[in-house]
């Protein structure tokens, strides 16, 4: 086998390895993670939301691997229907935030 043919085969193998990595880590693992975040919810709007969240988390994870300090994310949920003008509503939101997040079906995105 001549060196030119060997180089072509090597180039193709590298492309194949990159493609397999992309499928495994950027498609399969991300879709599994989004499925976990969905927690049984269905609908395109939830998939979009949690895919975006997962992409941000993956980006943060890659930054962490590169030696950055810990980071976090902030989610802003609009049109949630809660009246935040009263102290009681704000207090209820603060104490029940995790419960509210798990009941996202009641909100429009």
N, C-alpha and C. Protein backbone atom coordinates (compact mmCIF):
# COMPACT_ATOMS: atom_id res chain seq x y z
N UNK A 1 0.86 -1.18 0.00
CA UNK A 1 0.00 0.00 0.00
C UNK A 1 0.91 1.24 0.00
N UNK A 2 0.61 2.17 -0.89
CA UNK A 2 1.46 3.36 -0.96
C UNK A 2 1.09 4.36 0.14
N UNK A 3 1.97 5.30 0.40
CA UNK A 3 1.77 6.26 1.50
C UNK A 3 0.56 7.17 1.28
N UNK A 4 0.28 7.50 0.04
CA UNK A 4 -0.89 8.34 -0.27
C UNK A 4 -2.18 7.64 0.14
N UNK A 5 -2.30 6.37 -0.20
CA UNK A 5 -3.50 5.59 0.15
C UNK A 5 -3.61 5.46 1.66
N UNK A 6 -2.49 5.24 2.33
CA UNK A 6 -2.47 5.13 3.78
C UNK A 6 -2.94 6.43 4.44
N UNK A 7 -2.52 7.56 3.91
CA UNK A 7 -2.96 8.87 4.42
C UNK A 7 -4.46 9.05 4.23
N UNK A 8 -4.98 8.64 3.10
CA UNK A 8 -6.42 8.75 2.85
C UNK A 8 -7.21 7.90 3.84
N UNK A 9 -6.75 6.69 4.08
CA UNK A 9 -7.42 5.81 5.03
C UNK A 9 -7.36 6.41 6.43
N UNK A 10 -6.21 6.94 6.81
CA UNK A 10 -6.05 7.55 8.13
C UNK A 10 -6.98 8.76 8.28
N UNK A 11 -7.06 9.58 7.26
CA UNK A 11 -7.95 10.75 7.28
C UNK A 11 -9.41 10.31 7.44
N UNK A 12 -9.79 9.28 6.70
CA UNK A 12 -11.16 8.77 6.82
C UNK A 12 -11.44 8.20 8.20
N UNK A 13 -10.46 7.51 8.79
CA UNK A 13 -10.63 6.97 10.15
C UNK A 13 -10.81 8.08 11.18
N UNK A 14 -10.04 9.14 11.04
CA UNK A 14 -10.17 10.28 11.96
C UNK A 14 -11.55 10.91 11.83
N UNK A 15 -12.02 11.09 10.61
CA UNK A 15 -13.37 11.64 10.39
C UNK A 15 -14.44 10.74 11.00
N UNK A 16 -14.26 9.42 10.82
CA UNK A 16 -15.22 8.47 11.37
C UNK A 16 -15.22 8.51 12.90
N UNK A 17 -14.05 8.57 13.52
CA UNK A 17 -13.97 8.66 14.98
C UNK A 17 -14.63 9.94 15.48
N UNK A 18 -14.39 11.06 14.79
CA UNK A 18 -15.02 12.33 15.17
C UNK A 18 -16.54 12.24 15.05
N UNK A 19 -17.00 11.62 13.98
CA UNK A 19 -18.44 11.47 13.78
C UNK A 19 -19.06 10.61 14.87
N UNK A 20 -18.42 9.51 15.20
CA UNK A 20 -18.93 8.64 16.26
C UNK A 20 -18.96 9.36 17.61
N UNK A 21 -17.92 10.15 17.91
CA UNK A 21 -17.88 10.91 19.15
C UNK A 21 -19.04 11.91 19.17
N UNK A 22 -19.23 12.59 18.05
CA UNK A 22 -20.31 13.58 17.94
C UNK A 22 -21.67 12.93 18.18
N UNK A 23 -21.89 11.79 17.56
CA UNK A 23 -23.17 11.10 17.74
C UNK A 23 -23.36 10.69 19.19
N UNK A 24 -22.32 10.12 19.80
CA UNK A 24 -22.46 9.64 21.18
C UNK A 24 -22.63 10.78 22.17
N UNK A 25 -21.78 11.79 22.11
CA UNK A 25 -21.77 12.83 23.14
C UNK A 25 -22.67 14.02 22.83
N UNK A 26 -22.77 14.40 21.57
CA UNK A 26 -23.58 15.57 21.24
C UNK A 26 -25.00 15.22 20.82
N UNK A 27 -25.32 13.97 20.70
CA UNK A 27 -26.67 13.57 20.33
C UNK A 27 -27.28 12.61 21.36
N UNK A 28 -26.70 11.44 21.51
CA UNK A 28 -27.29 10.42 22.38
C UNK A 28 -27.29 10.85 23.84
N UNK A 29 -26.14 11.24 24.36
CA UNK A 29 -26.06 11.62 25.77
C UNK A 29 -26.89 12.87 26.05
N UNK A 30 -26.85 13.83 25.13
CA UNK A 30 -27.66 15.05 25.33
C UNK A 30 -29.14 14.70 25.31
N UNK A 31 -29.57 13.84 24.40
CA UNK A 31 -31.00 13.49 24.37
C UNK A 31 -31.41 12.73 25.62
N UNK A 32 -30.53 11.88 26.15
CA UNK A 32 -30.83 11.19 27.41
C UNK A 32 -30.92 12.19 28.56
N UNK A 33 -30.01 13.16 28.59
CA UNK A 33 -30.04 14.17 29.65
C UNK A 33 -31.29 15.02 29.57
N UNK A 34 -31.68 15.40 28.36
CA UNK A 34 -32.92 16.17 28.18
C UNK A 34 -34.11 15.34 28.65
N UNK A 35 -34.11 14.06 28.34
CA UNK A 35 -35.18 13.17 28.81
C UNK A 35 -35.28 13.15 30.32
N UNK A 36 -34.12 13.14 31.00
CA UNK A 36 -34.12 13.18 32.47
C UNK A 36 -34.66 14.51 32.98
N UNK A 37 -34.27 15.61 32.34
CA UNK A 37 -34.77 16.93 32.75
C UNK A 37 -36.27 17.04 32.53
N UNK A 38 -36.76 16.44 31.46
CA UNK A 38 -38.19 16.51 31.15
C UNK A 38 -39.04 15.87 32.24
N UNK A 39 -38.54 14.85 32.87
CA UNK A 39 -39.27 14.22 33.96
C UNK A 39 -40.68 13.79 33.60
N UNK A 40 -40.88 13.29 32.40
CA UNK A 40 -42.20 12.82 31.99
C UNK A 40 -43.03 13.86 31.26
N UNK A 41 -42.59 15.11 31.25
CA UNK A 41 -43.34 16.14 30.52
C UNK A 41 -43.24 15.85 29.03
N UNK A 42 -44.25 16.24 28.29
CA UNK A 42 -44.23 16.08 26.84
C UNK A 42 -44.53 17.41 26.19
N UNK A 43 -44.20 17.52 24.96
CA UNK A 43 -44.50 18.73 24.21
C UNK A 43 -43.23 19.40 23.72
N UNK A 44 -43.34 19.95 22.52
CA UNK A 44 -42.18 20.59 21.90
C UNK A 44 -41.61 21.73 22.73
N UNK A 45 -42.48 22.49 23.39
CA UNK A 45 -41.99 23.65 24.15
C UNK A 45 -41.09 23.20 25.30
N UNK A 46 -41.43 22.10 25.94
CA UNK A 46 -40.59 21.60 27.04
C UNK A 46 -39.28 21.04 26.51
N UNK A 47 -39.35 20.36 25.38
CA UNK A 47 -38.12 19.83 24.79
C UNK A 47 -37.19 20.98 24.44
N UNK A 48 -37.72 22.04 23.85
CA UNK A 48 -36.90 23.21 23.51
C UNK A 48 -36.26 23.82 24.75
N UNK A 49 -37.07 24.00 25.79
CA UNK A 49 -36.57 24.61 27.03
C UNK A 49 -35.46 23.77 27.63
N UNK A 50 -35.72 22.49 27.81
CA UNK A 50 -34.74 21.65 28.49
C UNK A 50 -33.55 21.31 27.61
N UNK A 51 -33.70 21.34 26.29
CA UNK A 51 -32.55 21.19 25.41
C UNK A 51 -31.63 22.40 25.58
N UNK A 52 -32.22 23.58 25.65
CA UNK A 52 -31.42 24.78 25.87
C UNK A 52 -30.70 24.72 27.21
N UNK A 53 -31.42 24.31 28.25
CA UNK A 53 -30.80 24.19 29.58
C UNK A 53 -29.65 23.18 29.53
N UNK A 54 -29.88 22.04 28.89
CA UNK A 54 -28.84 21.02 28.81
C UNK A 54 -27.63 21.51 28.03
N UNK A 55 -27.86 22.26 26.96
CA UNK A 55 -26.74 22.80 26.19
C UNK A 55 -25.92 23.77 27.03
N UNK A 56 -26.58 24.58 27.84
CA UNK A 56 -25.86 25.49 28.74
C UNK A 56 -25.07 24.70 29.77
N UNK A 57 -25.70 23.68 30.36
CA UNK A 57 -25.01 22.86 31.35
C UNK A 57 -23.80 22.14 30.74
N UNK A 58 -23.95 21.65 29.52
CA UNK A 58 -22.84 21.00 28.84
C UNK A 58 -21.71 21.99 28.58
N UNK A 59 -22.07 23.20 28.17
CA UNK A 59 -21.06 24.24 27.97
C UNK A 59 -20.33 24.57 29.25
N UNK A 60 -21.06 24.68 30.35
CA UNK A 60 -20.43 24.94 31.65
C UNK A 60 -19.52 23.79 32.05
N UNK A 61 -19.97 22.58 31.79
CA UNK A 61 -19.15 21.41 32.12
C UNK A 61 -17.84 21.45 31.34
N UNK A 62 -17.91 21.83 30.09
CA UNK A 62 -16.68 21.91 29.28
C UNK A 62 -15.78 23.03 29.76
N UNK A 63 -16.37 24.13 30.21
CA UNK A 63 -15.55 25.20 30.80
C UNK A 63 -14.87 24.71 32.07
N UNK A 64 -15.61 23.98 32.90
CA UNK A 64 -15.06 23.45 34.15
C UNK A 64 -13.88 22.54 33.86
N UNK A 65 -14.00 21.72 32.83
CA UNK A 65 -12.92 20.80 32.47
C UNK A 65 -11.67 21.59 32.11
N UNK A 66 -11.86 22.77 31.56
CA UNK A 66 -10.73 23.59 31.14
C UNK A 66 -10.14 24.39 32.29
N UNK A 67 -10.56 24.12 33.52
CA UNK A 67 -9.92 24.74 34.68
C UNK A 67 -10.56 26.01 35.18
N UNK A 68 -11.76 26.31 34.75
CA UNK A 68 -12.44 27.50 35.24
C UNK A 68 -13.01 27.24 36.63
N UNK A 69 -13.28 28.32 37.35
CA UNK A 69 -13.95 28.18 38.64
C UNK A 69 -15.40 27.76 38.41
N UNK A 70 -16.04 27.37 39.48
CA UNK A 70 -17.43 26.93 39.37
C UNK A 70 -18.30 28.05 38.82
N UNK A 71 -19.29 27.66 38.07
CA UNK A 71 -20.22 28.62 37.46
C UNK A 71 -21.63 28.09 37.64
N UNK A 72 -22.60 28.91 37.34
CA UNK A 72 -23.99 28.50 37.45
C UNK A 72 -24.80 29.11 36.33
N UNK A 73 -26.08 28.82 36.33
CA UNK A 73 -26.96 29.40 35.32
C UNK A 73 -28.15 30.04 36.02
N UNK A 74 -28.79 30.94 35.32
CA UNK A 74 -29.99 31.62 35.80
C UNK A 74 -31.07 31.39 34.76
N UNK A 75 -32.21 30.89 35.19
CA UNK A 75 -33.34 30.69 34.29
C UNK A 75 -34.38 31.77 34.55
N UNK A 76 -34.84 32.42 33.50
CA UNK A 76 -35.92 33.40 33.64
C UNK A 76 -37.15 32.81 32.96
N UNK A 77 -38.18 32.62 33.75
CA UNK A 77 -39.44 32.07 33.23
C UNK A 77 -40.44 33.21 33.17
N UNK A 78 -40.88 33.53 31.97
CA UNK A 78 -41.84 34.61 31.78
C UNK A 78 -43.23 34.03 31.57
N UNK A 79 -44.22 34.89 31.71
CA UNK A 79 -45.62 34.50 31.52
C UNK A 79 -46.01 33.34 32.43
N UNK A 80 -45.53 33.39 33.66
CA UNK A 80 -45.80 32.30 34.60
C UNK A 80 -47.14 32.44 35.31
N UNK A 81 -47.76 33.60 35.21
CA UNK A 81 -49.08 33.79 35.79
C UNK A 81 -49.08 34.09 37.28
N UNK A 82 -47.93 34.26 37.90
CA UNK A 82 -47.86 34.57 39.32
C UNK A 82 -47.88 36.07 39.54
N UNK A 83 -48.62 36.52 40.53
CA UNK A 83 -48.67 37.94 40.88
C UNK A 83 -47.53 38.23 41.85
N UNK A 84 -46.48 38.85 41.36
CA UNK A 84 -45.31 39.11 42.20
C UNK A 84 -45.36 40.48 42.87
N UNK A 85 -46.49 41.16 42.76
CA UNK A 85 -46.60 42.49 43.36
C UNK A 85 -46.90 42.43 44.85
N UNK A 86 -47.36 41.29 45.32
CA UNK A 86 -47.67 41.17 46.74
C UNK A 86 -46.59 40.37 47.45
N UNK A 87 -46.36 40.70 48.71
CA UNK A 87 -45.36 40.01 49.51
C UNK A 87 -45.68 38.52 49.64
N UNK A 88 -46.94 38.20 49.83
CA UNK A 88 -47.33 36.80 49.99
C UNK A 88 -47.01 35.98 48.74
N UNK A 89 -47.26 36.54 47.58
CA UNK A 89 -46.95 35.82 46.34
C UNK A 89 -45.46 35.61 46.19
N UNK A 90 -44.68 36.64 46.49
CA UNK A 90 -43.23 36.52 46.40
C UNK A 90 -42.70 35.50 47.40
N UNK A 91 -43.26 35.53 48.62
CA UNK A 91 -42.84 34.57 49.65
C UNK A 91 -43.21 33.14 49.22
N UNK A 92 -44.42 32.99 48.68
CA UNK A 92 -44.86 31.67 48.22
C UNK A 92 -43.95 31.17 47.10
N UNK A 93 -43.59 32.07 46.20
CA UNK A 93 -42.71 31.69 45.11
C UNK A 93 -41.35 31.25 45.65
N UNK A 94 -40.82 32.00 46.60
CA UNK A 94 -39.50 31.67 47.15
C UNK A 94 -39.52 30.32 47.87
N UNK A 95 -40.54 30.08 48.67
CA UNK A 95 -40.58 28.83 49.44
C UNK A 95 -41.01 27.64 48.59
N UNK A 96 -41.76 27.89 47.53
CA UNK A 96 -42.26 26.79 46.72
C UNK A 96 -41.66 26.73 45.33
N UNK A 97 -40.50 27.34 45.15
CA UNK A 97 -39.92 27.43 43.82
C UNK A 97 -39.69 26.06 43.20
N UNK A 98 -39.12 25.14 43.94
CA UNK A 98 -38.85 23.82 43.36
C UNK A 98 -40.13 23.11 42.99
N UNK A 99 -41.15 23.25 43.81
CA UNK A 99 -42.44 22.64 43.48
C UNK A 99 -43.00 23.28 42.23
N UNK A 100 -42.89 24.59 42.12
CA UNK A 100 -43.40 25.29 40.94
C UNK A 100 -42.68 24.83 39.69
N UNK A 101 -41.37 24.65 39.79
CA UNK A 101 -40.60 24.24 38.63
C UNK A 101 -41.00 22.84 38.19
N UNK A 102 -41.33 21.98 39.13
CA UNK A 102 -41.72 20.63 38.75
C UNK A 102 -43.12 20.59 38.14
N UNK A 103 -43.88 21.67 38.28
CA UNK A 103 -45.23 21.75 37.71
C UNK A 103 -45.27 22.72 36.53
N UNK A 104 -44.29 22.66 35.66
CA UNK A 104 -44.20 23.61 34.55
C UNK A 104 -45.34 23.49 33.55
N UNK A 105 -46.07 22.39 33.59
CA UNK A 105 -47.17 22.20 32.63
C UNK A 105 -48.21 23.31 32.72
N UNK A 106 -48.30 23.98 33.87
CA UNK A 106 -49.31 25.01 34.04
C UNK A 106 -48.93 26.32 33.36
N UNK A 107 -47.68 26.44 32.92
CA UNK A 107 -47.22 27.70 32.33
C UNK A 107 -47.17 27.61 30.81
N UNK A 108 -47.29 28.76 30.18
CA UNK A 108 -47.16 28.84 28.73
C UNK A 108 -45.78 29.35 28.39
N UNK A 109 -45.11 28.67 27.48
CA UNK A 109 -43.78 29.09 27.05
C UNK A 109 -43.82 29.46 25.59
